[in-house]
């Protein structure tokens, strides 16, 4: 079932599930505001992360607990102007390689230019290498990661703890994940977290190794976090707070500049 074709039905079912109520009246009759809609896009054309399913489940749970509704699609056909206008935020959850054609790319560009928001998680940077606009939006591209093992413990330096996604963190954050090295980093992004490459083996970005950032871009908002390779990431309380803060900024519930 395409989201664009059945959005009204999905909206009613999602809100009913979220609040345990039955919809007998149209949305405008409700005393409480209609929750924001967030779309997860998780199509892969290259490597597929096992954690996509866990990540989607966690994001939906975060939405239920914080008053927004998360729907999910892997159909590129849902990235169209009519469907996108219903969403305040689109999350690329470990997408890989080419996941949109030229028409869908233009639709997504126009969505951002119209004030929409984008959030990339982990392999969102391993996506659309031939689409320069997307590279600027997401903030950089995947270059490499450590191997044997690829998941390692590392220390993260919290560069900015004034953002909603980092305000709960101490000056350093030690956790396990697959740590990406990046290329073509957008110098205009505002870096929140950096990897301390002395704390693990396999880093290639040196002293400037961002792992989470945000920026205002082309009329909209964009946020990226490099965490989320493992299922366990999405059970970590601090990582879930990190995701929630990022989403709330993307939804313009907070106004960090």
C-alpha atoms as a PDB file:
ATOM      1  CA  UNK A   1       0.000   0.000   0.000  1.00  0.00           C
ATOM      2  CA  UNK A   2       1.542   3.337  -1.057  1.00  0.00           C
ATOM      3  CA  UNK A   3       1.577   5.969   1.665  1.00  0.00           C
ATOM      4  CA  UNK A   4       0.530   8.666  -0.750  1.00  0.00           C
ATOM      5  CA  UNK A   5      -2.607   6.762  -1.736  1.00  0.00           C
ATOM      6  CA  UNK A   6      -3.807   5.909   1.747  1.00  0.00           C
ATOM      7  CA  UNK A   7      -2.453   8.730   3.876  1.00  0.00           C
ATOM      8  CA  UNK A   8      -5.791   9.738   5.403  1.00  0.00           C
ATOM      9  CA  UNK A   9      -6.524   6.189   6.529  1.00  0.00           C
ATOM     10  CA  UNK A  10      -3.010   5.770   7.902  1.00  0.00           C
ATOM     11  CA  UNK A  11      -3.267   9.106   9.693  1.00  0.00           C
ATOM     12  CA  UNK A  12      -6.490   8.114  11.443  1.00  0.00           C
ATOM     13  CA  UNK A  13      -5.142   4.698  12.391  1.00  0.00           C
ATOM     14  CA  UNK A  14      -1.847   6.116  13.617  1.00  0.00           C
ATOM     15  CA  UNK A  15      -3.484   8.773  15.766  1.00  0.00           C
ATOM     16  CA  UNK A  16      -5.965   6.240  17.118  1.00  0.00           C
ATOM     17  CA  UNK A  17      -3.105   3.931  18.050  1.00  0.00           C
ATOM     18  CA  UNK A  18      -1.114   6.777  19.548  1.00  0.00           C
ATOM     19  CA  UNK A  19      -3.815   8.169  21.770  1.00  0.00           C
ATOM     20  CA  UNK A  20      -6.094   5.137  22.231  1.00  0.00           C
ATOM     21  CA  UNK A  21      -9.082   7.015  20.831  1.00  0.00           C
ATOM     22  CA  UNK A  22     -11.525   6.283  18.066  1.00  0.00           C
ATOM     23  CA  UNK A  23     -11.864   8.822  15.286  1.00  0.00           C
ATOM     24  CA  UNK A  24     -15.555   9.615  14.863  1.00  0.00           C
ATOM     25  CA  UNK A  25     -15.069  13.241  13.852  1.00  0.00           C
ATOM     26  CA  UNK A  26     -12.778  14.894  11.270  1.00  0.00           C
ATOM     27  CA  UNK A  27      -9.417  16.179  12.546  1.00  0.00           C
ATOM     28  CA  UNK A  28     -10.549  19.795  12.870  1.00  0.00           C
ATOM     29  CA  UNK A  29     -13.044  18.782  15.534  1.00  0.00           C
ATOM     30  CA  UNK A  30     -10.352  17.707  17.996  1.00  0.00           C
ATOM     31  CA  UNK A  31      -9.587  19.929  20.957  1.00  0.00           C
ATOM     32  CA  UNK A  32      -5.904  18.919  20.925  1.00  0.00           C
ATOM     33  CA  UNK A  33      -3.599  19.915  18.034  1.00  0.00           C
ATOM     34  CA  UNK A  34      -3.084  17.373  15.276  1.00  0.00           C
ATOM     35  CA  UNK A  35       0.343  15.750  15.840  1.00  0.00           C
ATOM     36  CA  UNK A  36       3.106  16.397  13.334  1.00  0.00           C
ATOM     37  CA  UNK A  37       3.746  13.672  10.790  1.00  0.00           C
ATOM     38  CA  UNK A  38       7.280  12.330  10.324  1.00  0.00           C
ATOM     39  CA  UNK A  39       8.242  10.030   7.449  1.00  0.00           C
ATOM     40  CA  UNK A  40      11.003   7.428   7.639  1.00  0.00           C
ATOM     41  CA  UNK A  41      12.535   6.616   4.256  1.00  0.00           C
ATOM     42  CA  UNK A  42      14.678   3.480   4.479  1.00  0.00           C
ATOM     43  CA  UNK A  43      15.223   2.238   0.916  1.00  0.00           C
ATOM     44  CA  UNK A  44      18.618   0.674   0.225  1.00  0.00           C
ATOM     45  CA  UNK A  45      20.309   0.017  -3.107  1.00  0.00           C
ATOM     46  CA  UNK A  46      23.621  -1.077  -1.586  1.00  0.00           C
ATOM     47  CA  UNK A  47      24.516  -2.511   1.801  1.00  0.00           C
ATOM     48  CA  UNK A  48      21.470  -2.962   4.028  1.00  0.00           C
ATOM     49  CA  UNK A  49      21.880  -2.420   7.747  1.00  0.00           C
ATOM     50  CA  UNK A  50      20.159  -4.907   9.986  1.00  0.00           C
ATOM     51  CA  UNK A  51      19.486  -2.069  12.429  1.00  0.00           C
ATOM     52  CA  UNK A  52      17.000  -0.391  10.077  1.00  0.00           C
ATOM     53  CA  UNK A  53      14.119  -2.401  11.538  1.00  0.00           C
ATOM     54  CA  UNK A  54      15.131  -1.679  15.122  1.00  0.00           C
ATOM     55  CA  UNK A  55      15.709   1.969  14.300  1.00  0.00           C
ATOM     56  CA  UNK A  56      12.286   2.369  12.714  1.00  0.00           C
ATOM     57  CA  UNK A  57      10.633   0.679  15.684  1.00  0.00           C
ATOM     58  CA  UNK A  58      12.469   2.980  18.100  1.00  0.00           C
ATOM     59  CA  UNK A  59      11.640   6.138  16.159  1.00  0.00           C
ATOM     60  CA  UNK A  60       7.963   5.188  16.119  1.00  0.00           C
ATOM     61  CA  UNK A  61       8.082   4.617  19.870  1.00  0.00           C
ATOM     62  CA  UNK A  62       9.780   7.983  20.407  1.00  0.00           C
ATOM     63  CA  UNK A  63       7.008   9.570  18.379  1.00  0.00           C
ATOM     64  CA  UNK A  64       4.264   7.923  20.411  1.00  0.00           C
ATOM     65  CA  UNK A  65       5.877   9.128  23.623  1.00  0.00           C
ATOM     66  CA  UNK A  66       6.387  12.703  22.418  1.00  0.00           C
ATOM     67  CA  UNK A  67       3.313  13.639  20.428  1.00  0.00           C
ATOM     68  CA  UNK A  68       4.296  13.101  16.804  1.00  0.00           C
ATOM     69  CA  UNK A  69       3.412  10.305  14.387  1.00  0.00           C
ATOM     70  CA  UNK A  70       6.080   8.346  12.515  1.00  0.00           C
ATOM     71  CA  UNK A  71       5.216   6.495   9.322  1.00  0.00           C
ATOM     72  CA  UNK A  72       7.626   4.572   7.133  1.00  0.00           C
ATOM     73  CA  UNK A  73       8.100   3.813   3.460  1.00  0.00           C
ATOM     74  CA  UNK A  74      10.658   2.170   1.190  1.00  0.00           C
ATOM     75  CA  UNK A  75       8.812   3.186  -1.968  1.00  0.00           C
ATOM     76  CA  UNK A  76      10.506   5.988  -3.953  1.00  0.00           C
ATOM     77  CA  UNK A  77       7.085   6.762  -5.415  1.00  0.00           C
ATOM     78  CA  UNK A  78       6.098   8.220  -2.048  1.00  0.00           C
ATOM     79  CA  UNK A  79       8.704  10.953  -2.510  1.00  0.00           C
ATOM     80  CA  UNK A  80       6.375  13.152  -4.531  1.00  0.00           C
ATOM     81  CA  UNK A  81       5.057  16.713  -4.004  1.00  0.00           C
ATOM     82  CA  UNK A  82       1.545  15.741  -2.929  1.00  0.00           C
ATOM     83  CA  UNK A  83       2.717  13.261  -0.321  1.00  0.00           C
ATOM     84  CA  UNK A  84       5.667  15.239   1.013  1.00  0.00           C
ATOM     85  CA  UNK A  85       3.556  18.274   1.845  1.00  0.00           C
ATOM     86  CA  UNK A  86       1.934  16.240   4.648  1.00  0.00           C
ATOM     87  CA  UNK A  87       5.211  15.771   6.548  1.00  0.00           C
ATOM     88  CA  UNK A  88       7.162  18.161   8.733  1.00  0.00           C
ATOM     89  CA  UNK A  89      10.249  15.920   8.629  1.00  0.00           C
ATOM     90  CA  UNK A  90      11.666  13.150   6.443  1.00  0.00           C
ATOM     91  CA  UNK A  91      14.240  10.847   8.040  1.00  0.00           C
ATOM     92  CA  UNK A  92      16.641   8.931   5.807  1.00  0.00           C
ATOM     93  CA  UNK A  93      17.329   5.889   8.002  1.00  0.00           C
ATOM     94  CA  UNK A  94      20.522   4.168   6.778  1.00  0.00           C
ATOM     95  CA  UNK A  95      19.605   4.551   3.135  1.00  0.00           C
ATOM     96  CA  UNK A  96      22.374   3.469   0.750  1.00  0.00           C
ATOM     97  CA  UNK A  97      23.419   4.391  -2.786  1.00  0.00           C
ATOM     98  CA  UNK A  98      20.837   5.612  -5.342  1.00  0.00           C
ATOM     99  CA  UNK A  99      17.390   5.675  -3.783  1.00  0.00           C
ATOM    100  CA  UNK A 100      15.608   8.379  -5.825  1.00  0.00           C
ATOM    101  CA  UNK A 101      15.328   9.108  -9.546  1.00  0.00           C
ATOM    102  CA  UNK A 102      15.685  12.593 -11.011  1.00  0.00           C
ATOM    103  CA  UNK A 103      11.986  13.444 -10.663  1.00  0.00           C
ATOM    104  CA  UNK A 104      11.919  12.308  -7.042  1.00  0.00           C
ATOM    105  CA  UNK A 105      15.102  14.243  -6.322  1.00  0.00           C
ATOM    106  CA  UNK A 106      13.509  17.439  -7.620  1.00  0.00           C
ATOM    107  CA  UNK A 107      10.439  16.785  -5.486  1.00  0.00           C
ATOM    108  CA  UNK A 108      12.607  16.416  -2.400  1.00  0.00           C
ATOM    109  CA  UNK A 109      14.602  19.535  -3.190  1.00  0.00           C
ATOM    110  CA  UNK A 110      11.366  21.507  -3.499  1.00  0.00           C
ATOM    111  CA  UNK A 111      10.141  20.039  -0.210  1.00  0.00           C
ATOM    112  CA  UNK A 112      13.209  21.399   1.593  1.00  0.00           C
ATOM    113  CA  UNK A 113      13.004  24.745  -0.249  1.00  0.00           C
ATOM    114  CA  UNK A 114       9.400  25.021   0.958  1.00  0.00           C
ATOM    115  CA  UNK A 115      10.505  24.756   4.592  1.00  0.00           C
ATOM    116  CA  UNK A 116      10.605  20.989   5.120  1.00  0.00           C
ATOM    117  CA  UNK A 117      13.170  19.252   7.311  1.00  0.00           C
ATOM    118  CA  UNK A 118      15.603  16.398   6.731  1.00  0.00           C
ATOM    119  CA  UNK A 119      17.330  14.103   9.208  1.00  0.00           C
ATOM    120  CA  UNK A 120      19.961  11.562   8.217  1.00  0.00           C
ATOM    121  CA  UNK A 121      20.953   8.611  10.373  1.00  0.00           C
ATOM    122  CA  UNK A 122      24.188   6.625   9.887  1.00  0.00           C
ATOM    123  CA  UNK A 123      24.313   5.435   6.253  1.00  0.00           C
ATOM    124  CA  UNK A 124      22.329   8.432   5.002  1.00  0.00           C
ATOM    125  CA  UNK A 125      25.819   9.686   4.090  1.00  0.00           C
ATOM    126  CA  UNK A 126      26.383   6.518   2.002  1.00  0.00           C
ATOM    127  CA  UNK A 127      23.626   7.694  -0.320  1.00  0.00           C
ATOM    128  CA  UNK A 128      23.230   9.587  -3.616  1.00  0.00           C
ATOM    129  CA  UNK A 129      26.889  10.301  -4.398  1.00  0.00           C
ATOM    130  CA  UNK A 130      25.950  11.743  -7.795  1.00  0.00           C
ATOM    131  CA  UNK A 131      23.466  14.270  -6.380  1.00  0.00           C
ATOM    132  CA  UNK A 132      25.548  17.275  -5.239  1.00  0.00           C
ATOM    133  CA  UNK A 133      22.592  19.074  -3.634  1.00  0.00           C
ATOM    134  CA  UNK A 134      21.988  16.076  -1.390  1.00  0.00           C
ATOM    135  CA  UNK A 135      25.661  16.001  -0.441  1.00  0.00           C
ATOM    136  CA  UNK A 136      25.398  19.582   0.805  1.00  0.00           C
ATOM    137  CA  UNK A 137      22.105  18.817   2.577  1.00  0.00           C
ATOM    138  CA  UNK A 138      23.322  15.741   4.458  1.00  0.00           C
ATOM    139  CA  UNK A 139      26.646  17.474   5.121  1.00  0.00           C
ATOM    140  CA  UNK A 140      29.177  14.960   3.800  1.00  0.00           C
ATOM    141  CA  UNK A 141      29.675  11.526   2.294  1.00  0.00           C
ATOM    142  CA  UNK A 142      30.850   8.223   3.742  1.00  0.00           C
ATOM    143  CA  UNK A 143      34.481   7.457   2.960  1.00  0.00           C
ATOM    144  CA  UNK A 144      35.410   4.403   5.074  1.00  0.00           C
ATOM    145  CA  UNK A 145      35.154   2.815   8.496  1.00  0.00           C
ATOM    146  CA  UNK A 146      37.337   0.608  10.712  1.00  0.00           C
ATOM    147  CA  UNK A 147      37.391  -3.117  10.023  1.00  0.00           C
ATOM    148  CA  UNK A 148      38.033  -6.283  12.045  1.00  0.00           C
ATOM    149  CA  UNK A 149      36.061  -5.297  14.034  1.00  0.00           C
ATOM    150  CA  UNK A 150      34.009  -2.547  12.440  1.00  0.00           C
ATOM    151  CA  UNK A 151      32.133  -1.804  15.708  1.00  0.00           C
ATOM    152  CA  UNK A 152      34.403  -0.285  18.360  1.00  0.00           C
ATOM    153  CA  UNK A 153      34.283   1.744  21.557  1.00  0.00           C
ATOM    154  CA  UNK A 154      35.221   5.376  21.003  1.00  0.00           C
ATOM    155  CA  UNK A 155      35.138   8.674  22.856  1.00  0.00           C
ATOM    156  CA  UNK A 156      32.995  11.484  21.466  1.00  0.00           C
ATOM    157  CA  UNK A 157      33.769  15.086  22.361  1.00  0.00           C
ATOM    158  CA  UNK A 158      30.656  17.209  22.829  1.00  0.00           C
ATOM    159  CA  UNK A 159      31.504  20.406  20.968  1.00  0.00           C
ATOM    160  CA  UNK A 160      28.150  22.114  21.588  1.00  0.00           C
ATOM    161  CA  UNK A 161      25.790  21.133  24.398  1.00  0.00           C
ATOM    162  CA  UNK A 162      23.282  23.928  23.770  1.00  0.00           C
ATOM    163  CA  UNK A 163      21.426  21.996  21.060  1.00  0.00           C
ATOM    164  CA  UNK A 164      18.399  19.890  21.978  1.00  0.00           C
ATOM    165  CA  UNK A 165      20.180  16.763  20.702  1.00  0.00           C
ATOM    166  CA  UNK A 166      23.215  17.212  22.975  1.00  0.00           C
ATOM    167  CA  UNK A 167      21.995  19.158  26.020  1.00  0.00           C
ATOM    168  CA  UNK A 168      21.709  15.932  28.060  1.00  0.00           C
ATOM    169  CA  UNK A 169      25.324  14.921  27.450  1.00  0.00           C
ATOM    170  CA  UNK A 170      28.498  15.518  29.454  1.00  0.00           C
ATOM    171  CA  UNK A 171      31.671  16.869  27.849  1.00  0.00           C
ATOM    172  CA  UNK A 172      32.563  13.396  26.582  1.00  0.00           C
ATOM    173  CA  UNK A 173      30.399  10.479  25.530  1.00  0.00           C
ATOM    174  CA  UNK A 174      31.824   6.957  25.326  1.00  0.00           C
ATOM    175  CA  UNK A 175      29.880   4.416  23.285  1.00  0.00           C
ATOM    176  CA  UNK A 176      30.147   1.554  20.797  1.00  0.00           C
ATOM    177  CA  UNK A 177      29.239   1.982  17.136  1.00  0.00           C
ATOM    178  CA  UNK A 178      30.601   1.784  13.622  1.00  0.00           C
ATOM    179  CA  UNK A 179      32.504   5.034  13.186  1.00  0.00           C
ATOM    180  CA  UNK A 180      32.399   6.520   9.718  1.00  0.00           C
ATOM    181  CA  UNK A 181      35.173   8.543   8.143  1.00  0.00           C
ATOM    182  CA  UNK A 182      33.831  11.258   5.843  1.00  0.00           C
ATOM    183  CA  UNK A 183      34.737  13.087   2.656  1.00  0.00           C
ATOM    184  CA  UNK A 184      33.345  16.225   1.016  1.00  0.00           C
ATOM    185  CA  UNK A 185      32.308  17.668   4.363  1.00  0.00           C
ATOM    186  CA  UNK A 186      30.161  20.786   4.063  1.00  0.00           C
ATOM    187  CA  UNK A 187      32.058  23.563   5.903  1.00  0.00           C
ATOM    188  CA  UNK A 188      28.816  25.436   6.585  1.00  0.00           C
ATOM    189  CA  UNK A 189      27.323  22.886   8.979  1.00  0.00           C
ATOM    190  CA  UNK A 190      27.355  23.463  12.741  1.00  0.00           C
ATOM    191  CA  UNK A 191      29.207  20.591  14.390  1.00  0.00           C
ATOM    192  CA  UNK A 192      27.814  19.169  17.621  1.00  0.00           C
ATOM    193  CA  UNK A 193      29.922  16.052  18.220  1.00  0.00           C
ATOM    194  CA  UNK A 194      33.441  15.077  17.186  1.00  0.00           C
ATOM    195  CA  UNK A 195      35.250  11.754  17.447  1.00  0.00           C
ATOM    196  CA  UNK A 196      38.462  11.577  19.433  1.00  0.00           C
ATOM    197  CA  UNK A 197      40.515   9.473  17.027  1.00  0.00           C
ATOM    198  CA  UNK A 198      43.064   8.728  19.749  1.00  0.00           C
ATOM    199  CA  UNK A 199      40.393   6.656  21.525  1.00  0.00           C
ATOM    200  CA  UNK A 200      40.058   4.029  18.775  1.00  0.00           C
ATOM    201  CA  UNK A 201      41.831   2.705  15.675  1.00  0.00           C
ATOM    202  CA  UNK A 202      40.667   3.386  12.138  1.00  0.00           C
ATOM    203  CA  UNK A 203      39.893   7.105  12.077  1.00  0.00           C
ATOM    204  CA  UNK A 204      41.149   9.068   9.068  1.00  0.00           C
ATOM    205  CA  UNK A 205      39.687  12.557   9.515  1.00  0.00           C
ATOM    206  CA  UNK A 206      42.199  13.622  12.148  1.00  0.00           C
ATOM    207  CA  UNK A 207      41.423  16.364  14.655  1.00  0.00           C
ATOM    208  CA  UNK A 208      38.405  17.483  12.640  1.00  0.00           C
ATOM    209  CA  UNK A 209      36.233  14.374  12.721  1.00  0.00           C
ATOM    210  CA  UNK A 210      32.602  15.447  13.113  1.00  0.00           C
ATOM    211  CA  UNK A 211      30.051  12.731  13.850  1.00  0.00           C
ATOM    212  CA  UNK A 212      26.877  14.817  14.311  1.00  0.00           C
ATOM    213  CA  UNK A 213      25.919  18.213  12.914  1.00  0.00           C
ATOM    214  CA  UNK A 214      23.041  20.436  11.817  1.00  0.00           C
ATOM    215  CA  UNK A 215      22.357  23.460   9.626  1.00  0.00           C
ATOM    216  CA  UNK A 216      19.726  25.597   7.966  1.00  0.00           C
ATOM    217  CA  UNK A 217      19.873  24.720   4.280  1.00  0.00           C
ATOM    218  CA  UNK A 218      18.106  26.002   1.156  1.00  0.00           C
ATOM    219  CA  UNK A 219      14.969  27.050   3.043  1.00  0.00           C
ATOM    220  CA  UNK A 220      14.719  24.073   5.384  1.00  0.00           C
ATOM    221  CA  UNK A 221      16.494  22.343   8.247  1.00  0.00           C
ATOM    222  CA  UNK A 222      18.910  19.408   8.132  1.00  0.00           C
ATOM    223  CA  UNK A 223      20.444  17.241  10.855  1.00  0.00           C
ATOM    224  CA  UNK A 224      22.794  14.263  10.644  1.00  0.00           C
ATOM    225  CA  UNK A 225      24.087  11.789  13.196  1.00  0.00           C
ATOM    226  CA  UNK A 226      26.625   9.090  12.402  1.00  0.00           C
ATOM    227  CA  UNK A 227      25.416   6.704  15.104  1.00  0.00           C
ATOM    228  CA  UNK A 228      22.984   3.873  14.583  1.00  0.00           C
ATOM    229  CA  UNK A 229      24.856   1.000  12.945  1.00  0.00           C
ATOM    230  CA  UNK A 230      23.896  -1.504  15.644  1.00  0.00           C
ATOM    231  CA  UNK A 231      20.545  -2.609  17.018  1.00  0.00           C
ATOM    232  CA  UNK A 232      21.918  -1.860  20.481  1.00  0.00           C
ATOM    233  CA  UNK A 233      22.307   1.822  19.572  1.00  0.00           C
ATOM    234  CA  UNK A 234      18.542   2.202  19.522  1.00  0.00           C
ATOM    235  CA  UNK A 235      18.231   0.824  23.056  1.00  0.00           C
ATOM    236  CA  UNK A 236      20.712   3.313  24.540  1.00  0.00           C
ATOM    237  CA  UNK A 237      18.885   5.982  26.599  1.00  0.00           C
ATOM    238  CA  UNK A 238      21.410   8.695  25.708  1.00  0.00           C
ATOM    239  CA  UNK A 239      21.292   7.886  21.999  1.00  0.00           C
ATOM    240  CA  UNK A 240      17.485   7.912  22.032  1.00  0.00           C
ATOM    241  CA  UNK A 241      17.538  11.339  23.725  1.00  0.00           C
ATOM    242  CA  UNK A 242      19.995  12.447  21.041  1.00  0.00           C
ATOM    243  CA  UNK A 243      17.534  11.350  18.333  1.00  0.00           C
ATOM    244  CA  UNK A 244      14.579  12.978  20.090  1.00  0.00           C
ATOM    245  CA  UNK A 245      16.393  16.288  20.432  1.00  0.00           C
ATOM    246  CA  UNK A 246      17.338  16.204  16.754  1.00  0.00           C
ATOM    247  CA  UNK A 247      13.749  15.503  15.737  1.00  0.00           C
ATOM    248  CA  UNK A 248      12.399  18.270  17.962  1.00  0.00           C
ATOM    249  CA  UNK A 249      14.815  20.730  16.359  1.00  0.00           C
ATOM    250  CA  UNK A 250      13.784  19.555  12.895  1.00  0.00           C
ATOM    251  CA  UNK A 251      10.125  19.976  13.860  1.00  0.00           C
ATOM    252  CA  UNK A 252      10.944  23.528  15.009  1.00  0.00           C
ATOM    253  CA  UNK A 253       9.922  22.800  18.570  1.00  0.00           C
ATOM    254  CA  UNK A 254      13.279  24.297  19.555  1.00  0.00           C
ATOM    255  CA  UNK A 255      15.034  27.230  17.880  1.00  0.00           C
ATOM    256  CA  UNK A 256      18.766  26.614  18.295  1.00  0.00           C
ATOM    257  CA  UNK A 257      20.550  28.605  15.628  1.00  0.00           C
END
